[in-house]
Each structure stands twice: as structure tokens, then as C-alpha cells.
Amino acid sequence: MKHFQFTKFQIAVHVGSLIPLAYLIFDIVTGNLSVNPIQDITFRTGKAALVLLVLALAVTPINTVTGFRQVIKVRRALGLYAFLYAAIHLFIFAFIDYGLDLRLIWLETTEKRYIYIGFAAFLILLPLAITSTKGWQKRLGKTWKTLHKWVYLAGCLVVLHYAWVQKSDIRQPIVFGVIVVLLLALRIPRVRRRISHWRGRHFSSRKRRPATSKPDMLETSV
């Protein structure tokens, strides 16, 4: 039987990803939500989905810049948690808030076009979540990588959805938007090669540094 062994970093990621859900359930049970509980739950699950999706997008750039290989092992988990919160977000909107009344939902979407953007992002994340296993990766072959590159479009759509919802105060959406753009830039092959080359030279020079050399004053200062 195959045993799964998790590193402390992986455990921390799983626990951290579940904290928003646990905190939300606690607030629901204790009646600690806002005066508009459905809106509160919808917003909090949407925000958690956005944060986790951006963190999933940041995995490869973090590995490229820092060489921290362990972060690669949590990319799938972050993506699936992002999908989980997005699914709860959609469920609250469609089933709890509107009782799956298609007429009411249609009237709502005609006034609030940002719903289309959010739903489009969810439709992109759905096949990515389904095909996130190693089995699907083997079945799809090279197509798997092409398919999963759509996650960046989903990230952009989620940020746009969030900005449109906020309307007046879009400072946080702008911050998330800038982060996503930077992460996209770090995925450009030429940029990745330059960073990898710089990191390789930086760490190789540190390894070649004599062990008996006198420490620098900045290194010994507290």
C-alpha cells in the first residue's frame, strides 16, 4: 500500500488553506456574520478563492527566483482549494441566494455583468480541477500543459470580477492585478532564463566562498 508523507511545509499549506473555511463555519455557527450573512459568505469565499488562485500562480515564479523546490509540491493543492472556495462561492449565489431560480438569476446578470466574468473563470477552473491528477496528466500528455496554462486567464478574470464587484474602492483589486501581471511576466521564457542564470551564478559564487574568510561586519551585526 502506498503511504502519503507530507512535509511540514505541505501541512502548513493545507492548514492555512482551510483556515478561511473553518473561520467562516465558526462565524456561521456562532451567528457572527454581518447584517447580510449571504453577502458576507459570498464575499469571503470569493476572496479566499482569489488569494489561493494567485498563490497557485506564484508557485513556478517562486521556484524560478528562489530555487525552493518544495513549493512545486503544493501547487495542485492550492489550485484545488481555490476551486473549492470558488465552487462554494457559486453555490451560495445560485442555490442559497437565488434558489436556483433561473429567471431571477438571468435578471440579476443583466444588471450585474461581472457575474458573467466570474462564471467564465469558474468554467475555466472546472476542467483544470478535474484533470489535476497524475492519471489525467498521463492521458492528456502534452495537451495537459496547454490546458492548464488557461489558469492565467482564469486569474485575470477573477481579478476583473473582484474589481467590478468593488466598484468604488478598487485598491485591493489593483494590487492583485499587478501581482498577476508580474507573475505572468516571470513566466516569459527569456525572463525565466535570465533569472535562473542569475540565481545559478549567485549561489555558485556563495558556494565557492572560502569557509575561513573573515565575516563581513553586516553579517555579524544583530
C-alpha atoms as a PDB file:
ATOM      1  CA  MET A   1       0.000   0.000   0.000  1.00  0.00           C
ATOM      2  CA  LYS A   2       1.305   3.438  -0.910  1.00  0.00           C
ATOM      3  CA  HIS A   3       1.733   5.783   2.042  1.00  0.00           C
ATOM      4  CA  PHE A   4       1.475   9.529   1.652  1.00  0.00           C
ATOM      5  CA  GLN A   5       4.094  11.518   3.522  1.00  0.00           C
ATOM      6  CA  PHE A   6       3.631  15.245   3.923  1.00  0.00           C
ATOM      7  CA  THR A   7       6.376  17.702   4.754  1.00  0.00           C
ATOM      8  CA  LYS A   8       5.844  20.382   7.391  1.00  0.00           C
ATOM      9  CA  PHE A   9       5.555  22.920   4.591  1.00  0.00           C
ATOM     10  CA  GLN A  10       2.808  20.916   2.866  1.00  0.00           C
ATOM     11  CA  ILE A  11       0.912  20.529   6.143  1.00  0.00           C
ATOM     12  CA  ALA A  12       1.186  24.289   6.750  1.00  0.00           C
ATOM     13  CA  VAL A  13      -0.230  24.991   3.273  1.00  0.00           C
ATOM     14  CA  HIS A  14      -3.177  22.632   3.800  1.00  0.00           C
ATOM     15  CA  VAL A  15      -3.953  24.055   7.229  1.00  0.00           C
ATOM     16  CA  GLY A  16      -3.587  27.634   6.022  1.00  0.00           C
ATOM     17  CA  SER A  17      -5.867  26.971   3.049  1.00  0.00           C
ATOM     18  CA  LEU A  18      -8.602  25.588   5.306  1.00  0.00           C
ATOM     19  CA  ILE A  19      -8.442  28.380   7.903  1.00  0.00           C
ATOM     20  CA  PRO A  20     -10.791  30.752   5.978  1.00  0.00           C
ATOM     21  CA  LEU A  21     -13.380  27.947   5.685  1.00  0.00           C
ATOM     22  CA  ALA A  22     -13.051  26.991   9.361  1.00  0.00           C
ATOM     23  CA  TYR A  23     -13.323  30.632  10.415  1.00  0.00           C
ATOM     24  CA  LEU A  24     -16.387  31.074   8.184  1.00  0.00           C
ATOM     25  CA  ILE A  25     -18.108  27.986   9.630  1.00  0.00           C
ATOM     26  CA  PHE A  26     -17.339  29.228  13.140  1.00  0.00           C
ATOM     27  CA  ASP A  27     -18.915  32.609  12.363  1.00  0.00           C
ATOM     28  CA  ILE A  28     -21.986  30.912  10.857  1.00  0.00           C
ATOM     29  CA  VAL A  29     -22.468  28.651  13.913  1.00  0.00           C
ATOM     30  CA  THR A  30     -21.940  31.477  16.407  1.00  0.00           C
ATOM     31  CA  GLY A  31     -24.060  33.965  14.427  1.00  0.00           C
ATOM     32  CA  ASN A  32     -21.089  36.239  13.976  1.00  0.00           C
ATOM     33  CA  LEU A  33     -21.715  37.221  10.361  1.00  0.00           C
ATOM     34  CA  SER A  34     -22.635  40.689   9.116  1.00  0.00           C
ATOM     35  CA  VAL A  35     -26.204  42.031   8.851  1.00  0.00           C
ATOM     36  CA  ASN A  36     -26.296  40.495   5.343  1.00  0.00           C
ATOM     37  CA  PRO A  37     -24.992  36.958   6.041  1.00  0.00           C
ATOM     38  CA  ILE A  38     -25.397  35.588   2.496  1.00  0.00           C
ATOM     39  CA  GLN A  39     -23.483  38.519   1.024  1.00  0.00           C
ATOM     40  CA  ASP A  40     -20.842  38.107   3.720  1.00  0.00           C
ATOM     41  CA  ILE A  41     -20.363  34.402   2.947  1.00  0.00           C
ATOM     42  CA  THR A  42     -20.324  35.045  -0.801  1.00  0.00           C
ATOM     43  CA  PHE A  43     -17.675  37.754  -0.487  1.00  0.00           C
ATOM     44  CA  ARG A  44     -15.440  35.800   1.886  1.00  0.00           C
ATOM     45  CA  THR A  45     -15.444  32.620  -0.192  1.00  0.00           C
ATOM     46  CA  GLY A  46     -14.763  34.637  -3.344  1.00  0.00           C
ATOM     47  CA  LYS A  47     -11.864  36.455  -1.695  1.00  0.00           C
ATOM     48  CA  ALA A  48     -10.372  33.181  -0.444  1.00  0.00           C
ATOM     49  CA  ALA A  49     -10.636  31.711  -3.958  1.00  0.00           C
ATOM     50  CA  LEU A  50      -8.814  34.726  -5.400  1.00  0.00           C
ATOM     51  CA  VAL A  51      -5.984  34.644  -2.844  1.00  0.00           C
ATOM     52  CA  LEU A  52      -5.402  30.905  -3.231  1.00  0.00           C
ATOM     53  CA  LEU A  53      -5.533  31.115  -7.026  1.00  0.00           C
ATOM     54  CA  VAL A  54      -2.901  33.869  -7.028  1.00  0.00           C
ATOM     55  CA  LEU A  55      -0.744  31.783  -4.672  1.00  0.00           C
ATOM     56  CA  ALA A  56      -1.075  28.822  -7.049  1.00  0.00           C
ATOM     57  CA  LEU A  57       0.018  31.064  -9.930  1.00  0.00           C
ATOM     58  CA  ALA A  58       3.001  32.204  -7.847  1.00  0.00           C
ATOM     59  CA  VAL A  59       4.404  28.684  -7.375  1.00  0.00           C
ATOM     60  CA  THR A  60       6.508  28.471 -10.557  1.00  0.00           C
ATOM     61  CA  PRO A  61       7.864  32.056 -10.282  1.00  0.00           C
ATOM     62  CA  ILE A  62       8.805  31.431  -6.627  1.00  0.00           C
ATOM     63  CA  ASN A  63      10.676  28.296  -7.642  1.00  0.00           C
ATOM     64  CA  THR A  64      12.360  30.164 -10.511  1.00  0.00           C
ATOM     65  CA  VAL A  65      13.500  33.074  -8.333  1.00  0.00           C
ATOM     66  CA  THR A  66      14.399  31.243  -5.109  1.00  0.00           C
ATOM     67  CA  GLY A  67      15.020  27.648  -6.169  1.00  0.00           C
ATOM     68  CA  PHE A  68      12.695  26.492  -3.383  1.00  0.00           C
ATOM     69  CA  ARG A  69      11.619  23.152  -4.857  1.00  0.00           C
ATOM     70  CA  GLN A  70       9.150  22.227  -2.110  1.00  0.00           C
ATOM     71  CA  VAL A  71       6.744  24.885  -3.336  1.00  0.00           C
ATOM     72  CA  ILE A  72       6.126  22.850  -6.523  1.00  0.00           C
ATOM     73  CA  LYS A  73       4.558  20.098  -4.415  1.00  0.00           C
ATOM     74  CA  VAL A  74       1.783  22.384  -3.140  1.00  0.00           C
ATOM     75  CA  ARG A  75       0.716  23.888  -6.489  1.00  0.00           C
ATOM     76  CA  ARG A  76      -2.012  21.304  -7.082  1.00  0.00           C
ATOM     77  CA  ALA A  77      -3.335  21.670  -3.534  1.00  0.00           C
ATOM     78  CA  LEU A  78      -3.511  25.460  -3.809  1.00  0.00           C
ATOM     79  CA  GLY A  79      -5.327  25.215  -7.135  1.00  0.00           C
ATOM     80  CA  LEU A  80      -7.855  22.712  -5.793  1.00  0.00           C
ATOM     81  CA  TYR A  81      -8.503  24.782  -2.677  1.00  0.00           C
ATOM     82  CA  ALA A  82      -9.045  27.820  -4.895  1.00  0.00           C
ATOM     83  CA  PHE A  83     -11.578  25.790  -6.888  1.00  0.00           C
ATOM     84  CA  LEU A  84     -13.257  24.615  -3.671  1.00  0.00           C
ATOM     85  CA  TYR A  85     -13.840  28.186  -2.493  1.00  0.00           C
ATOM     86  CA  ALA A  86     -14.959  29.224  -5.989  1.00  0.00           C
ATOM     87  CA  ALA A  87     -17.476  26.344  -6.031  1.00  0.00           C
ATOM     88  CA  ILE A  88     -18.838  27.356  -2.612  1.00  0.00           C
ATOM     89  CA  HIS A  89     -18.972  30.958  -3.822  1.00  0.00           C
ATOM     90  CA  LEU A  90     -21.050  29.958  -6.856  1.00  0.00           C
ATOM     91  CA  PHE A  91     -23.233  27.585  -4.814  1.00  0.00           C
ATOM     92  CA  ILE A  92     -24.116  30.310  -2.295  1.00  0.00           C
ATOM     93  CA  PHE A  93     -25.024  32.702  -5.109  1.00  0.00           C
ATOM     94  CA  ALA A  94     -27.064  30.298  -7.263  1.00  0.00           C
ATOM     95  CA  PHE A  95     -28.669  27.967  -4.703  1.00  0.00           C
ATOM     96  CA  ILE A  96     -28.819  29.808  -1.375  1.00  0.00           C
ATOM     97  CA  ASP A  97     -29.313  33.386  -2.541  1.00  0.00           C
ATOM     98  CA  TYR A  98     -31.487  32.731  -5.627  1.00  0.00           C
ATOM     99  CA  GLY A  99     -32.787  29.208  -5.006  1.00  0.00           C
ATOM    100  CA  LEU A 100     -31.610  28.221  -8.498  1.00  0.00           C
ATOM    101  CA  ASP A 101     -34.402  30.345  -9.948  1.00  0.00           C
ATOM    102  CA  LEU A 102     -33.055  30.789 -13.475  1.00  0.00           C
ATOM    103  CA  ARG A 103     -35.371  33.713 -14.213  1.00  0.00           C
ATOM    104  CA  LEU A 104     -34.154  35.665 -11.189  1.00  0.00           C
ATOM    105  CA  ILE A 105     -30.532  34.776 -11.935  1.00  0.00           C
ATOM    106  CA  TRP A 106     -30.977  35.949 -15.549  1.00  0.00           C
ATOM    107  CA  LEU A 107     -32.448  39.276 -14.379  1.00  0.00           C
ATOM    108  CA  GLU A 108     -29.575  39.679 -11.923  1.00  0.00           C
ATOM    109  CA  THR A 109     -26.911  39.005 -14.542  1.00  0.00           C
ATOM    110  CA  THR A 110     -28.397  41.565 -16.940  1.00  0.00           C
ATOM    111  CA  GLU A 111     -27.817  44.244 -14.283  1.00  0.00           C
ATOM    112  CA  LYS A 112     -24.547  42.899 -12.893  1.00  0.00           C
ATOM    113  CA  ARG A 113     -22.364  41.878 -15.824  1.00  0.00           C
ATOM    114  CA  TYR A 114     -19.450  40.991 -13.540  1.00  0.00           C
ATOM    115  CA  ILE A 115     -21.318  37.745 -12.805  1.00  0.00           C
ATOM    116  CA  TYR A 116     -20.530  36.611 -16.372  1.00  0.00           C
ATOM    117  CA  ILE A 117     -16.836  37.247 -15.755  1.00  0.00           C
ATOM    118  CA  GLY A 118     -16.839  35.260 -12.520  1.00  0.00           C
ATOM    119  CA  PHE A 119     -18.765  32.376 -14.083  1.00  0.00           C
ATOM    120  CA  ALA A 120     -16.359  32.295 -17.041  1.00  0.00           C
ATOM    121  CA  ALA A 121     -13.456  31.983 -14.596  1.00  0.00           C
ATOM    122  CA  PHE A 122     -15.243  29.122 -12.830  1.00  0.00           C
ATOM    123  CA  LEU A 123     -15.838  27.312 -16.144  1.00  0.00           C
ATOM    124  CA  ILE A 124     -12.091  27.519 -16.822  1.00  0.00           C
ATOM    125  CA  LEU A 125     -11.180  26.231 -13.359  1.00  0.00           C
ATOM    126  CA  LEU A 126     -13.621  23.307 -13.555  1.00  0.00           C
ATOM    127  CA  PRO A 127     -11.763  21.213 -16.188  1.00  0.00           C
ATOM    128  CA  LEU A 128      -8.439  22.183 -14.605  1.00  0.00           C
ATOM    129  CA  ALA A 129      -9.593  20.783 -11.254  1.00  0.00           C
ATOM    130  CA  ILE A 130     -10.945  17.612 -12.871  1.00  0.00           C
ATOM    131  CA  THR A 131      -7.706  16.975 -14.806  1.00  0.00           C
ATOM    132  CA  SER A 132      -5.326  17.879 -11.972  1.00  0.00           C
ATOM    133  CA  THR A 133      -4.429  14.261 -11.163  1.00  0.00           C
ATOM    134  CA  LYS A 134      -1.368  12.419 -12.453  1.00  0.00           C
ATOM    135  CA  GLY A 135      -3.670   9.982 -14.234  1.00  0.00           C
ATOM    136  CA  TRP A 136      -5.167  12.766 -16.341  1.00  0.00           C
ATOM    137  CA  GLN A 137      -1.706  14.201 -16.909  1.00  0.00           C
ATOM    138  CA  LYS A 138      -0.619  10.888 -18.452  1.00  0.00           C
ATOM    139  CA  ARG A 139      -3.795  10.577 -20.529  1.00  0.00           C
ATOM    140  CA  LEU A 140      -3.580  14.083 -21.970  1.00  0.00           C
ATOM    141  CA  GLY A 141       0.198  14.127 -22.487  1.00  0.00           C
ATOM    142  CA  LYS A 142       1.431  17.429 -23.916  1.00  0.00           C
ATOM    143  CA  THR A 143      -2.150  18.699 -24.116  1.00  0.00           C
ATOM    144  CA  TRP A 144      -2.256  18.734 -20.299  1.00  0.00           C
ATOM    145  CA  LYS A 145       0.250  21.601 -20.064  1.00  0.00           C
ATOM    146  CA  THR A 146      -1.539  23.571 -22.771  1.00  0.00           C
ATOM    147  CA  LEU A 147      -4.860  23.109 -20.967  1.00  0.00           C
ATOM    148  CA  HIS A 148      -3.503  24.161 -17.585  1.00  0.00           C
ATOM    149  CA  LYS A 149      -1.997  27.359 -18.975  1.00  0.00           C
ATOM    150  CA  TRP A 150      -5.591  28.622 -19.059  1.00  0.00           C
ATOM    151  CA  VAL A 151      -5.289  29.128 -15.310  1.00  0.00           C
ATOM    152  CA  TYR A 152      -3.671  32.508 -16.008  1.00  0.00           C
ATOM    153  CA  LEU A 153      -6.726  33.644 -17.938  1.00  0.00           C
ATOM    154  CA  ALA A 154      -8.855  32.477 -15.012  1.00  0.00           C
ATOM    155  CA  GLY A 155      -6.665  34.531 -12.664  1.00  0.00           C
ATOM    156  CA  CYS A 156      -7.104  37.655 -14.787  1.00  0.00           C
ATOM    157  CA  LEU A 157     -10.886  37.119 -14.974  1.00  0.00           C
ATOM    158  CA  VAL A 158     -11.160  36.638 -11.207  1.00  0.00           C
ATOM    159  CA  VAL A 159      -9.259  39.889 -10.583  1.00  0.00           C
ATOM    160  CA  LEU A 160     -11.522  41.705 -13.068  1.00  0.00           C
ATOM    161  CA  HIS A 161     -14.585  40.171 -11.390  1.00  0.00           C
ATOM    162  CA  TYR A 162     -13.345  41.324  -7.984  1.00  0.00           C
ATOM    163  CA  ALA A 163     -12.595  44.853  -9.233  1.00  0.00           C
ATOM    164  CA  TRP A 164     -16.044  45.133 -10.839  1.00  0.00           C
ATOM    165  CA  VAL A 165     -17.725  43.981  -7.613  1.00  0.00           C
ATOM    166  CA  GLN A 166     -15.796  46.511  -5.536  1.00  0.00           C
ATOM    167  CA  LYS A 167     -16.767  49.398  -7.860  1.00  0.00           C
ATOM    168  CA  SER A 168     -15.680  52.412  -5.775  1.00  0.00           C
ATOM    169  CA  ASP A 169     -12.691  51.102  -3.807  1.00  0.00           C
ATOM    170  CA  ILE A 170     -10.541  49.097  -6.218  1.00  0.00           C
ATOM    171  CA  ARG A 171      -7.222  49.410  -4.387  1.00  0.00           C
ATOM    172  CA  GLN A 172      -7.067  45.720  -3.464  1.00  0.00           C
ATOM    173  CA  PRO A 173      -8.073  44.529  -6.958  1.00  0.00           C
ATOM    174  CA  ILE A 174      -5.331  46.742  -8.409  1.00  0.00           C
ATOM    175  CA  VAL A 175      -2.778  45.135  -6.073  1.00  0.00           C
ATOM    176  CA  PHE A 176      -3.915  41.657  -7.098  1.00  0.00           C
ATOM    177  CA  GLY A 177      -3.878  42.712 -10.745  1.00  0.00           C
ATOM    178  CA  VAL A 178      -0.294  43.968 -10.517  1.00  0.00           C
ATOM    179  CA  ILE A 179       0.749  40.715  -8.813  1.00  0.00           C
ATOM    180  CA  VAL A 180      -0.848  38.609 -11.566  1.00  0.00           C
ATOM    181  CA  VAL A 181       0.845  40.716 -14.275  1.00  0.00           C
ATOM    182  CA  LEU A 182       4.224  40.283 -12.548  1.00  0.00           C
ATOM    183  CA  LEU A 183       3.670  36.540 -12.264  1.00  0.00           C
ATOM    184  CA  LEU A 184       2.830  36.400 -15.957  1.00  0.00           C
ATOM    185  CA  ALA A 185       5.997  38.357 -16.761  1.00  0.00           C
ATOM    186  CA  LEU A 186       8.086  35.914 -14.740  1.00  0.00           C
ATOM    187  CA  ARG A 187       6.707  33.069 -16.878  1.00  0.00           C
ATOM    188  CA  ILE A 188       8.133  34.562 -20.087  1.00  0.00           C
ATOM    189  CA  PRO A 189      10.879  32.114 -21.198  1.00  0.00           C
ATOM    190  CA  ARG A 190      13.510  34.836 -21.683  1.00  0.00           C
ATOM    191  CA  VAL A 191      12.827  36.304 -18.244  1.00  0.00           C
ATOM    192  CA  ARG A 192      12.889  32.864 -16.632  1.00  0.00           C
ATOM    193  CA  ARG A 193      16.240  32.057 -18.263  1.00  0.00           C
ATOM    194  CA  ARG A 194      17.766  35.323 -17.056  1.00  0.00           C
ATOM    195  CA  ILE A 195      16.543  34.758 -13.500  1.00  0.00           C
ATOM    196  CA  SER A 196      17.707  31.129 -13.479  1.00  0.00           C
ATOM    197  CA  HIS A 197      21.113  32.227 -14.806  1.00  0.00           C
ATOM    198  CA  TRP A 198      21.385  34.943 -12.133  1.00  0.00           C
ATOM    199  CA  ARG A 199      20.355  32.521  -9.388  1.00  0.00           C
ATOM    200  CA  GLY A 200      22.846  29.923 -10.609  1.00  0.00           C
ATOM    201  CA  ARG A 201      25.719  32.439 -10.584  1.00  0.00           C
ATOM    202  CA  HIS A 202      24.669  33.871  -7.218  1.00  0.00           C
ATOM    203  CA  PHE A 203      24.528  30.525  -5.415  1.00  0.00           C
ATOM    204  CA  SER A 204      27.623  29.130  -7.123  1.00  0.00           C
ATOM    205  CA  SER A 205      29.626  32.184  -6.017  1.00  0.00           C
ATOM    206  CA  ARG A 206      28.412  31.678  -2.456  1.00  0.00           C
ATOM    207  CA  LYS A 207      29.464  28.029  -2.542  1.00  0.00           C
ATOM    208  CA  ARG A 208      32.951  28.994  -3.790  1.00  0.00           C
ATOM    209  CA  ARG A 209      33.411  31.461  -0.925  1.00  0.00           C
ATOM    210  CA  PRO A 210      36.268  30.274   1.393  1.00  0.00           C
ATOM    211  CA  ALA A 211      34.969  28.897   4.676  1.00  0.00           C
ATOM    212  CA  THR A 212      37.821  30.577   6.609  1.00  0.00           C
ATOM    213  CA  SER A 213      37.151  34.051   5.242  1.00  0.00           C
ATOM    214  CA  LYS A 214      36.526  36.760   7.801  1.00  0.00           C
ATOM    215  CA  PRO A 215      32.814  37.524   8.243  1.00  0.00           C
ATOM    216  CA  ASP A 216      31.568  40.832   6.996  1.00  0.00           C
ATOM    217  CA  MET A 217      30.560  43.358   9.668  1.00  0.00           C
ATOM    218  CA  LEU A 218      26.962  43.375   8.414  1.00  0.00           C
ATOM    219  CA  GLU A 219      26.786  39.590   8.787  1.00  0.00           C
ATOM    220  CA  THR A 220      27.908  39.666  12.419  1.00  0.00           C
ATOM    221  CA  SER A 221      25.782  42.589  13.487  1.00  0.00           C
ATOM    222  CA  VAL A 222      22.459  41.942  15.210  1.00  0.00           C
END
